[in-house]
Each structure stands twice: as structure tokens, then as C-alpha cells.
Amino acid sequence: MKRILKNSTISLFLLLLISCSTTVPVSGSGNISSTKVGTAKQTTIFGIINLGEEATIENAARNGNITTVTTVHYKTTTFPLLSVECIVRGN
């Protein structure tokens, strides 16, 4: 029984390490020239405590002083804390 519990714990830990960070392009326009970059990041601890602002396109554009958004990327990190970052490029 101890062996099964130990193997299950190790397997769960390894599964958590597999998908630590993912970057996904969400949308864009035909205009690929961009001079500014804005980011908005939110981190959640145990699904209860939120740190930072909401990771939205609007907040990222405001942080980068962007009026016209050309590309949007979301970067999600799941280990050790849940963190979502919105990266916006534009003019």
C-alpha cells in the first residue's frame, strides 16, 4: 500500500511539472508592424488569493499605452502558482 501511495504521489508531481508554461497566440490583424508592447499579469495562489490586475487585453493595452492592438498572446504558467499573462503588441 505504501508503494502505491508513493508511486501515485511521484506520478502526480511529475504530471504537474510537464505543462509548466504555455504561450498561445489568440488573435491579430493584417497589420504586423507594432512599436509598443503592453502586459497584464494575474497570479492566483491556491485559487483564493489573486495578485495583480486582471490579465485582459484592455489592461495590457492600457499598460503599454496602445490604442490599436495588432497581436495578442496569452502565457499561462501552472507551476508552482497559477499565473496568466496577456501580452499585447500594437501602436
PDB file of N, CA and C in Angstrom:
ATOM      1  N   MET A   1       0.817  -1.188   0.000  1.00  0.00           N
ATOM      2  CA  MET A   1       0.000   0.000   0.000  1.00  0.00           C
ATOM      3  C   MET A   1       0.865   1.259   0.000  1.00  0.00           C
ATOM      4  N   LYS A   2       1.950   1.221   0.786  1.00  0.00           N
ATOM      5  CA  LYS A   2       2.846   2.371   0.833  1.00  0.00           C
ATOM      6  C   LYS A   2       3.492   2.605  -0.528  1.00  0.00           C
ATOM      7  N   ARG A   3       3.804   1.526  -1.209  1.00  0.00           N
ATOM      8  CA  ARG A   3       4.435   1.634  -2.527  1.00  0.00           C
ATOM      9  C   ARG A   3       3.485   2.288  -3.530  1.00  0.00           C
ATOM     10  N   ILE A   4       2.211   1.920  -3.495  1.00  0.00           N
ATOM     11  CA  ILE A   4       1.212   2.508  -4.399  1.00  0.00           C
ATOM     12  C   ILE A   4       1.054   3.993  -4.112  1.00  0.00           C
ATOM     13  N   LEU A   5       0.989   4.355  -2.835  1.00  0.00           N
ATOM     14  CA  LEU A   5       0.855   5.759  -2.453  1.00  0.00           C
ATOM     15  C   LEU A   5       2.081   6.562  -2.887  1.00  0.00           C
ATOM     16  N   LYS A   6       3.253   5.992  -2.692  1.00  0.00           N
ATOM     17  CA  LYS A   6       4.488   6.671  -3.081  1.00  0.00           C
ATOM     18  C   LYS A   6       4.535   6.866  -4.595  1.00  0.00           C
ATOM     19  N   ASN A   7       4.222   5.827  -5.362  1.00  0.00           N
ATOM     20  CA  ASN A   7       4.231   5.930  -6.824  1.00  0.00           C
ATOM     21  C   ASN A   7       3.174   6.910  -7.323  1.00  0.00           C
ATOM     22  N   SER A   8       2.016   6.931  -6.689  1.00  0.00           N
ATOM     23  CA  SER A   8       0.961   7.868  -7.081  1.00  0.00           C
ATOM     24  C   SER A   8       1.387   9.305  -6.823  1.00  0.00           C
ATOM     25  N   THR A   9       2.023   9.544  -5.695  1.00  0.00           N
ATOM     26  CA  THR A   9       2.495  10.888  -5.361  1.00  0.00           C
ATOM     27  C   THR A   9       3.558  11.350  -6.345  1.00  0.00           C
ATOM     28  N   ILE A  10       4.492  10.503  -6.665  1.00  0.00           N
ATOM     29  CA  ILE A  10       5.542  10.852  -7.626  1.00  0.00           C
ATOM     30  C   ILE A  10       4.945  11.103  -9.001  1.00  0.00           C
ATOM     31  N   SER A  11       4.006  10.279  -9.422  1.00  0.00           N
ATOM     32  CA  SER A  11       3.359  10.459 -10.731  1.00  0.00           C
ATOM     33  C   SER A  11       2.603  11.774 -10.800  1.00  0.00           C
ATOM     34  N   LEU A  12       1.882  12.125  -9.753  1.00  0.00           N
ATOM     35  CA  LEU A  12       1.142  13.386  -9.721  1.00  0.00           C
ATOM     36  C   LEU A  12       2.095  14.571  -9.794  1.00  0.00           C
ATOM     37  N   PHE A  13       3.176  14.518  -9.059  1.00  0.00           N
ATOM     38  CA  PHE A  13       4.165  15.591  -9.082  1.00  0.00           C
ATOM     39  C   PHE A  13       4.765  15.751 -10.473  1.00  0.00           C
ATOM     40  N   LEU A  14       5.090  14.652 -11.122  1.00  0.00           N
ATOM     41  CA  LEU A  14       5.658  14.717 -12.469  1.00  0.00           C
ATOM     42  C   LEU A  14       4.650  15.258 -13.476  1.00  0.00           C
ATOM     43  N   LEU A  15       3.383  14.915 -13.332  1.00  0.00           N
ATOM     44  CA  LEU A  15       2.351  15.459 -14.216  1.00  0.00           C
ATOM     45  C   LEU A  15       2.221  16.966 -14.056  1.00  0.00           C
ATOM     46  N   LEU A  16       2.377  17.457 -12.842  1.00  0.00           N
ATOM     47  CA  LEU A  16       2.325  18.899 -12.615  1.00  0.00           C
ATOM     48  C   LEU A  16       3.494  19.611 -13.284  1.00  0.00           C
ATOM     49  N   LEU A  17       4.629  18.970 -13.354  1.00  0.00           N
ATOM     50  CA  LEU A  17       5.808  19.589 -13.953  1.00  0.00           C
ATOM     51  C   LEU A  17       5.781  19.593 -15.477  1.00  0.00           C
ATOM     52  N   ILE A  18       5.001  18.718 -16.082  1.00  0.00           N
ATOM     53  CA  ILE A  18       5.008  18.577 -17.536  1.00  0.00           C
ATOM     54  C   ILE A  18       4.549  19.844 -18.236  1.00  0.00           C
ATOM     55  N   SER A  19       3.434  20.419 -17.811  1.00  0.00           N
ATOM     56  CA  SER A  19       2.893  21.588 -18.506  1.00  0.00           C
ATOM     57  C   SER A  19       3.068  22.838 -17.666  1.00  0.00           C
ATOM     58  N   CYS A  20       4.299  23.255 -17.486  1.00  0.00           N
ATOM     59  CA  CYS A  20       4.567  24.407 -16.629  1.00  0.00           C
ATOM     60  C   CYS A  20       4.185  25.723 -17.290  1.00  0.00           C
ATOM     61  N   SER A  21       4.437  25.882 -18.567  1.00  0.00           N
ATOM     62  CA  SER A  21       4.183  27.169 -19.211  1.00  0.00           C
ATOM     63  C   SER A  21       3.756  26.954 -20.651  1.00  0.00           C
ATOM     64  N   THR A  22       2.766  27.734 -21.076  1.00  0.00           N
ATOM     65  CA  THR A  22       2.247  27.647 -22.434  1.00  0.00           C
ATOM     66  C   THR A  22       1.980  29.046 -22.949  1.00  0.00           C
ATOM     67  N   THR A  23       2.421  29.341 -24.164  1.00  0.00           N
ATOM     68  CA  THR A  23       2.114  30.611 -24.799  1.00  0.00           C
ATOM     69  C   THR A  23       1.234  30.333 -26.001  1.00  0.00           C
ATOM     70  N   VAL A  24       0.104  31.038 -26.084  1.00  0.00           N
ATOM     71  CA  VAL A  24      -0.867  30.798 -27.143  1.00  0.00           C
ATOM     72  C   VAL A  24      -1.187  32.110 -27.849  1.00  0.00           C
ATOM     73  N   PRO A  25      -0.996  32.193 -29.179  1.00  0.00           N
ATOM     74  CA  PRO A  25      -1.453  33.382 -29.894  1.00  0.00           C
ATOM     75  C   PRO A  25      -2.973  33.351 -29.993  1.00  0.00           C
ATOM     76  N   VAL A  26      -3.620  34.457 -29.665  1.00  0.00           N
ATOM     77  CA  VAL A  26      -5.074  34.472 -29.621  1.00  0.00           C
ATOM     78  C   VAL A  26      -5.665  35.116 -30.856  1.00  0.00           C
ATOM     79  N   SER A  27      -5.214  36.298 -31.217  1.00  0.00           N
ATOM     80  CA  SER A  27      -5.808  36.984 -32.360  1.00  0.00           C
ATOM     81  C   SER A  27      -4.810  37.965 -32.947  1.00  0.00           C
ATOM     82  N   GLY A  28      -5.162  38.524 -34.082  1.00  0.00           N
ATOM     83  CA  GLY A  28      -4.304  39.509 -34.714  1.00  0.00           C
ATOM     84  C   GLY A  28      -4.980  40.111 -35.916  1.00  0.00           C
ATOM     85  N   SER A  29      -4.350  41.116 -36.478  1.00  0.00           N
ATOM     86  CA  SER A  29      -4.874  41.760 -37.678  1.00  0.00           C
ATOM     87  C   SER A  29      -3.845  41.638 -38.787  1.00  0.00           C
ATOM     88  N   GLY A  30      -4.158  42.171 -39.949  1.00  0.00           N
ATOM     89  CA  GLY A  30      -3.231  42.117 -41.068  1.00  0.00           C
ATOM     90  C   GLY A  30      -2.022  43.017 -40.886  1.00  0.00           C
ATOM     91  N   ASN A  31      -2.124  44.005 -40.013  1.00  0.00           N
ATOM     92  CA  ASN A  31      -1.026  44.938 -39.766  1.00  0.00           C
ATOM     93  C   ASN A  31      -0.077  44.323 -38.748  1.00  0.00           C
ATOM     94  N   ILE A  32       1.116  43.944 -39.187  1.00  0.00           N
ATOM     95  CA  ILE A  32       2.035  43.272 -38.270  1.00  0.00           C
ATOM     96  C   ILE A  32       3.078  44.204 -37.679  1.00  0.00           C
ATOM     97  N   SER A  33       3.140  45.462 -38.143  1.00  0.00           N
ATOM     98  CA  SER A  33       4.119  46.374 -37.565  1.00  0.00           C
ATOM     99  C   SER A  33       3.579  46.908 -36.247  1.00  0.00           C
ATOM    100  N   SER A  34       4.370  46.753 -35.207  1.00  0.00           N
ATOM    101  CA  SER A  34       3.967  47.258 -33.897  1.00  0.00           C
ATOM    102  C   SER A  34       5.177  47.874 -33.222  1.00  0.00           C
ATOM    103  N   THR A  35       4.948  48.982 -32.543  1.00  0.00           N
ATOM    104  CA  THR A  35       6.043  49.689 -31.894  1.00  0.00           C
ATOM    105  C   THR A  35       5.973  49.612 -30.382  1.00  0.00           C
ATOM    106  N   LYS A  36       4.840  49.186 -29.839  1.00  0.00           N
ATOM    107  CA  LYS A  36       4.670  49.162 -28.386  1.00  0.00           C
ATOM    108  C   LYS A  36       4.254  47.771 -27.914  1.00  0.00           C
ATOM    109  N   VAL A  37       4.608  47.481 -26.667  1.00  0.00           N
ATOM    110  CA  VAL A  37       4.230  46.215 -26.035  1.00  0.00           C
ATOM    111  C   VAL A  37       3.635  46.526 -24.666  1.00  0.00           C
ATOM    112  N   GLY A  38       2.514  45.902 -24.361  1.00  0.00           N
ATOM    113  CA  GLY A  38       1.896  46.055 -23.049  1.00  0.00           C
ATOM    114  C   GLY A  38       1.586  44.693 -22.462  1.00  0.00           C
ATOM    115  N   THR A  39       1.706  44.581 -21.151  1.00  0.00           N
ATOM    116  CA  THR A  39       1.424  43.307 -20.490  1.00  0.00           C
ATOM    117  C   THR A  39       0.502  43.521 -19.286  1.00  0.00           C
ATOM    118  N   ALA A  40      -0.269  42.515 -18.993  1.00  0.00           N
ATOM    119  CA  ALA A  40      -1.087  42.470 -17.780  1.00  0.00           C
ATOM    120  C   ALA A  40      -0.977  41.057 -17.232  1.00  0.00           C
ATOM    121  N   LYS A  41      -0.657  40.938 -15.946  1.00  0.00           N
ATOM    122  CA  LYS A  41      -0.407  39.622 -15.365  1.00  0.00           C
ATOM    123  C   LYS A  41      -1.221  39.442 -14.088  1.00  0.00           C
ATOM    124  N   GLN A  42      -1.794  38.250 -13.947  1.00  0.00           N
ATOM    125  CA  GLN A  42      -2.535  37.904 -12.739  1.00  0.00           C
ATOM    126  C   GLN A  42      -2.035  36.561 -12.236  1.00  0.00           C
ATOM    127  N   THR A  43      -1.753  36.494 -10.944  1.00  0.00           N
ATOM    128  CA  THR A  43      -1.289  35.265 -10.313  1.00  0.00           C
ATOM    129  C   THR A  43      -2.290  34.865  -9.237  1.00  0.00           C
ATOM    130  N   THR A  44      -2.601  33.593  -9.177  1.00  0.00           N
ATOM    131  CA  THR A  44      -3.549  33.085  -8.188  1.00  0.00           C
ATOM    132  C   THR A  44      -2.857  32.052  -7.306  1.00  0.00           C
ATOM    133  N   ILE A  45      -3.006  32.220  -6.003  1.00  0.00           N
ATOM    134  CA  ILE A  45      -2.431  31.287  -5.034  1.00  0.00           C
ATOM    135  C   ILE A  45      -3.564  30.439  -4.466  1.00  0.00           C
ATOM    136  N   PHE A  46      -3.495  29.133  -4.690  1.00  0.00           N
ATOM    137  CA  PHE A  46      -4.486  28.171  -4.196  1.00  0.00           C
ATOM    138  C   PHE A  46      -5.906  28.495  -4.650  1.00  0.00           C
ATOM    139  N   GLY A  47      -6.063  29.240  -5.724  1.00  0.00           N
ATOM    140  CA  GLY A  47      -7.381  29.581  -6.228  1.00  0.00           C
ATOM    141  C   GLY A  47      -8.151  30.537  -5.345  1.00  0.00           C
ATOM    142  N   ILE A  48      -7.490  31.122  -4.360  1.00  0.00           N
ATOM    143  CA  ILE A  48      -8.163  32.002  -3.403  1.00  0.00           C
ATOM    144  C   ILE A  48      -7.617  33.425  -3.466  1.00  0.00           C
ATOM    145  N   ILE A  49      -6.305  33.565  -3.427  1.00  0.00           N
ATOM    146  CA  ILE A  49      -5.664  34.877  -3.349  1.00  0.00           C
ATOM    147  C   ILE A  49      -5.213  35.293  -4.744  1.00  0.00           C
ATOM    148  N   ASN A  50      -5.733  36.417  -5.226  1.00  0.00           N
ATOM    149  CA  ASN A  50      -5.357  36.940  -6.536  1.00  0.00           C
ATOM    150  C   ASN A  50      -4.373  38.086  -6.366  1.00  0.00           C
ATOM    151  N   LEU A  51      -3.275  38.017  -7.101  1.00  0.00           N
ATOM    152  CA  LEU A  51      -2.268  39.070  -7.084  1.00  0.00           C
ATOM    153  C   LEU A  51      -2.206  39.707  -8.463  1.00  0.00           C
ATOM    154  N   GLY A  52      -2.132  41.014  -8.515  1.00  0.00           N
ATOM    155  CA  GLY A  52      -2.055  41.710  -9.793  1.00  0.00           C
ATOM    156  C   GLY A  52      -3.434  41.996 -10.345  1.00  0.00           C
ATOM    157  N   GLU A  53      -3.432  42.665 -11.487  1.00  0.00           N
ATOM    158  CA  GLU A  53      -4.692  43.022 -12.131  1.00  0.00           C
ATOM    159  C   GLU A  53      -5.173  41.878 -13.013  1.00  0.00           C
ATOM    160  N   GLU A  54      -6.377  42.016 -13.557  1.00  0.00           N
ATOM    161  CA  GLU A  54      -6.884  41.003 -14.475  1.00  0.00           C
ATOM    162  C   GLU A  54      -6.037  40.987 -15.739  1.00  0.00           C
ATOM    163  N   ALA A  55      -5.762  39.805 -16.247  1.00  0.00           N
ATOM    164  CA  ALA A  55      -4.948  39.658 -17.459  1.00  0.00           C
ATOM    165  C   ALA A  55      -5.845  39.782 -18.684  1.00  0.00           C
ATOM    166  N   THR A  56      -6.318  40.998 -18.952  1.00  0.00           N
ATOM    167  CA  THR A  56      -7.203  41.238 -20.086  1.00  0.00           C
ATOM    168  C   THR A  56      -6.487  42.046 -21.154  1.00  0.00           C
ATOM    169  N   ILE A  57      -7.040  42.015 -22.352  1.00  0.00           N
ATOM    170  CA  ILE A  57      -6.474  42.779 -23.461  1.00  0.00           C
ATOM    171  C   ILE A  57      -6.541  44.268 -23.154  1.00  0.00           C
ATOM    172  N   GLU A  58      -7.637  44.722 -22.571  1.00  0.00           N
ATOM    173  CA  GLU A  58      -7.804  46.138 -22.251  1.00  0.00           C
ATOM    174  C   GLU A  58      -6.749  46.619 -21.261  1.00  0.00           C
ATOM    175  N   ASN A  59      -6.500  45.845 -20.207  1.00  0.00           N
ATOM    176  CA  ASN A  59      -5.494  46.234 -19.216  1.00  0.00           C
ATOM    177  C   ASN A  59      -4.093  46.231 -19.808  1.00  0.00           C
ATOM    178  N   ALA A  60      -3.779  45.237 -20.624  1.00  0.00           N
ATOM    179  CA  ALA A  60      -2.458  45.177 -21.245  1.00  0.00           C
ATOM    180  C   ALA A  60      -2.259  46.350 -22.200  1.00  0.00           C
ATOM    181  N   ALA A  61      -3.288  46.685 -22.984  1.00  0.00           N
ATOM    182  CA  ALA A  61      -3.188  47.818 -23.907  1.00  0.00           C
ATOM    183  C   ALA A  61      -3.016  49.122 -23.134  1.00  0.00           C
ATOM    184  N   ARG A  62      -3.737  49.279 -22.046  1.00  0.00           N
ATOM    185  CA  ARG A  62      -3.610  50.490 -21.228  1.00  0.00           C
ATOM    186  C   ARG A  62      -2.209  50.588 -20.627  1.00  0.00           C
ATOM    187  N   ASN A  63      -1.660  49.470 -20.140  1.00  0.00           N
ATOM    188  CA  ASN A  63      -0.319  49.464 -19.546  1.00  0.00           C
ATOM    189  C   ASN A  63       0.763  49.795 -20.567  1.00  0.00           C
ATOM    190  N   GLY A  64       0.537  49.447 -21.833  1.00  0.00           N
ATOM    191  CA  GLY A  64       1.518  49.727 -22.873  1.00  0.00           C
ATOM    192  C   GLY A  64       1.238  50.996 -23.652  1.00  0.00           C
ATOM    193  N   ASN A  65       0.202  51.752 -23.250  1.00  0.00           N
ATOM    194  CA  ASN A  65      -0.177  52.983 -23.963  1.00  0.00           C
ATOM    195  C   ASN A  65      -0.510  52.687 -25.419  1.00  0.00           C
ATOM    196  N   ILE A  66      -1.240  51.613 -25.671  1.00  0.00           N
ATOM    197  CA  ILE A  66      -1.555  51.152 -27.021  1.00  0.00           C
ATOM    198  C   ILE A  66      -2.998  51.518 -27.350  1.00  0.00           C
ATOM    199  N   THR A  67      -3.195  52.119 -28.531  1.00  0.00           N
ATOM    200  CA  THR A  67      -4.552  52.453 -28.973  1.00  0.00           C
ATOM    201  C   THR A  67      -5.055  51.478 -30.032  1.00  0.00           C
ATOM    202  N   THR A  68      -4.149  50.933 -30.858  1.00  0.00           N
ATOM    203  CA  THR A  68      -4.515  49.970 -31.893  1.00  0.00           C
ATOM    204  C   THR A  68      -3.776  48.662 -31.628  1.00  0.00           C
ATOM    205  N   VAL A  69      -4.506  47.614 -31.301  1.00  0.00           N
ATOM    206  CA  VAL A  69      -3.910  46.315 -30.982  1.00  0.00           C
ATOM    207  C   VAL A  69      -3.717  45.524 -32.270  1.00  0.00           C
ATOM    208  N   THR A  70      -2.493  44.989 -32.471  1.00  0.00           N
ATOM    209  CA  THR A  70      -2.226  44.174 -33.659  1.00  0.00           C
ATOM    210  C   THR A  70      -2.121  42.687 -33.330  1.00  0.00           C
ATOM    211  N   THR A  71      -1.498  42.335 -32.214  1.00  0.00           N
ATOM    212  CA  THR A  71      -1.402  40.921 -31.828  1.00  0.00           C
ATOM    213  C   THR A  71      -1.632  40.762 -30.330  1.00  0.00           C
ATOM    214  N   VAL A  72      -2.133  39.598 -29.962  1.00  0.00           N
ATOM    215  CA  VAL A  72      -2.388  39.274 -28.557  1.00  0.00           C
ATOM    216  C   VAL A  72      -1.865  37.869 -28.290  1.00  0.00           C
ATOM    217  N   HIS A  73      -1.115  37.708 -27.206  1.00  0.00           N
ATOM    218  CA  HIS A  73      -0.650  36.396 -26.763  1.00  0.00           C
ATOM    219  C   HIS A  73      -1.029  36.230 -25.299  1.00  0.00           C
ATOM    220  N   TYR A  74      -1.400  35.017 -24.938  1.00  0.00           N
ATOM    221  CA  TYR A  74      -1.627  34.679 -23.539  1.00  0.00           C
ATOM    222  C   TYR A  74      -0.588  33.657 -23.128  1.00  0.00           C
ATOM    223  N   LYS A  75       0.073  33.909 -22.011  1.00  0.00           N
ATOM    224  CA  LYS A  75       1.060  32.972 -21.473  1.00  0.00           C
ATOM    225  C   LYS A  75       0.523  32.472 -20.136  1.00  0.00           C
ATOM    226  N   THR A  76       0.404  31.164 -20.006  1.00  0.00           N
ATOM    227  CA  THR A  76      -0.127  30.565 -18.791  1.00  0.00           C
ATOM    228  C   THR A  76       0.937  29.690 -18.149  1.00  0.00           C
ATOM    229  N   THR A  77       1.188  29.917 -16.873  1.00  0.00           N
ATOM    230  CA  THR A  77       2.114  29.100 -16.107  1.00  0.00           C
ATOM    231  C   THR A  77       1.319  28.431 -14.992  1.00  0.00           C
ATOM    232  N   THR A  78       1.449  27.116 -14.878  1.00  0.00           N
ATOM    233  CA  THR A  78       0.646  26.394 -13.897  1.00  0.00           C
ATOM    234  C   THR A  78       1.436  25.871 -12.709  1.00  0.00           C
ATOM    235  N   PHE A  79       2.741  26.031 -12.711  1.00  0.00           N
ATOM    236  CA  PHE A  79       3.527  25.513 -11.591  1.00  0.00           C
ATOM    237  C   PHE A  79       4.592  26.512 -11.231  1.00  0.00           C
ATOM    238  N   PRO A  80       4.805  26.899 -10.056  1.00  0.00           N
ATOM    239  CA  PRO A  80       4.183  26.438  -8.822  1.00  0.00           C
ATOM    240  C   PRO A  80       2.872  27.167  -8.506  1.00  0.00           C
ATOM    241  N   LEU A  81       2.652  28.329  -9.107  1.00  0.00           N
ATOM    242  CA  LEU A  81       1.405  29.072  -8.914  1.00  0.00           C
ATOM    243  C   LEU A  81       0.722  29.225 -10.259  1.00  0.00           C
ATOM    244  N   LEU A  82      -0.595  29.415 -10.249  1.00  0.00           N
ATOM    245  CA  LEU A  82      -1.308  29.669 -11.493  1.00  0.00           C
ATOM    246  C   LEU A  82      -1.098  31.122 -11.868  1.00  0.00           C
ATOM    247  N   SER A  83      -0.540  31.363 -13.046  1.00  0.00           N
ATOM    248  CA  SER A  83      -0.249  32.712 -13.499  1.00  0.00           C
ATOM    249  C   SER A  83      -0.673  32.849 -14.952  1.00  0.00           C
ATOM    250  N   VAL A  84      -1.414  33.925 -15.259  1.00  0.00           N
ATOM    251  CA  VAL A  84      -1.844  34.209 -16.622  1.00  0.00           C
ATOM    252  C   VAL A  84      -1.322  35.586 -16.984  1.00  0.00           C
ATOM    253  N   GLU A  85      -0.642  35.679 -18.129  1.00  0.00           N
ATOM    254  CA  GLU A  85      -0.104  36.956 -18.594  1.00  0.00           C
ATOM    255  C   GLU A  85      -0.610  37.218 -20.000  1.00  0.00           C
ATOM    256  N   CYS A  86      -1.152  38.406 -20.216  1.00  0.00           N
ATOM    257  CA  CYS A  86      -1.617  38.832 -21.529  1.00  0.00           C
ATOM    258  C   CYS A  86      -0.571  39.782 -22.103  1.00  0.00           C
ATOM    259  N   ILE A  87      -0.065  39.466 -23.288  1.00  0.00           N
ATOM    260  CA  ILE A  87       0.959  40.276 -23.945  1.00  0.00           C
ATOM    261  C   ILE A  87       0.350  40.841 -25.216  1.00  0.00           C
ATOM    262  N   VAL A  88       0.284  42.174 -25.295  1.00  0.00           N
ATOM    263  CA  VAL A  88      -0.355  42.860 -26.409  1.00  0.00           C
ATOM    264  C   VAL A  88       0.690  43.691 -27.136  1.00  0.00           C
ATOM    265  N   ARG A  89       0.671  43.631 -28.467  1.00  0.00           N
ATOM    266  CA  ARG A  89       1.544  44.478 -29.287  1.00  0.00           C
ATOM    267  C   ARG A  89       0.668  45.345 -30.168  1.00  0.00           C
ATOM    268  N   GLY A  90       1.126  46.566 -30.402  1.00  0.00           N
ATOM    269  CA  GLY A  90       0.351  47.477 -31.240  1.00  0.00           C
ATOM    270  C   GLY A  90       0.990  48.842 -31.314  1.00  0.00           C
ATOM    271  N   ASN A  91       0.189  49.819 -31.730  1.00  0.00           N
ATOM    272  CA  ASN A  91       0.661  51.201 -31.879  1.00  0.00           C
ATOM    273  C   ASN A  91      -0.165  52.131 -31.010  1.00  0.00           C
TER     274      ASN A  91
END
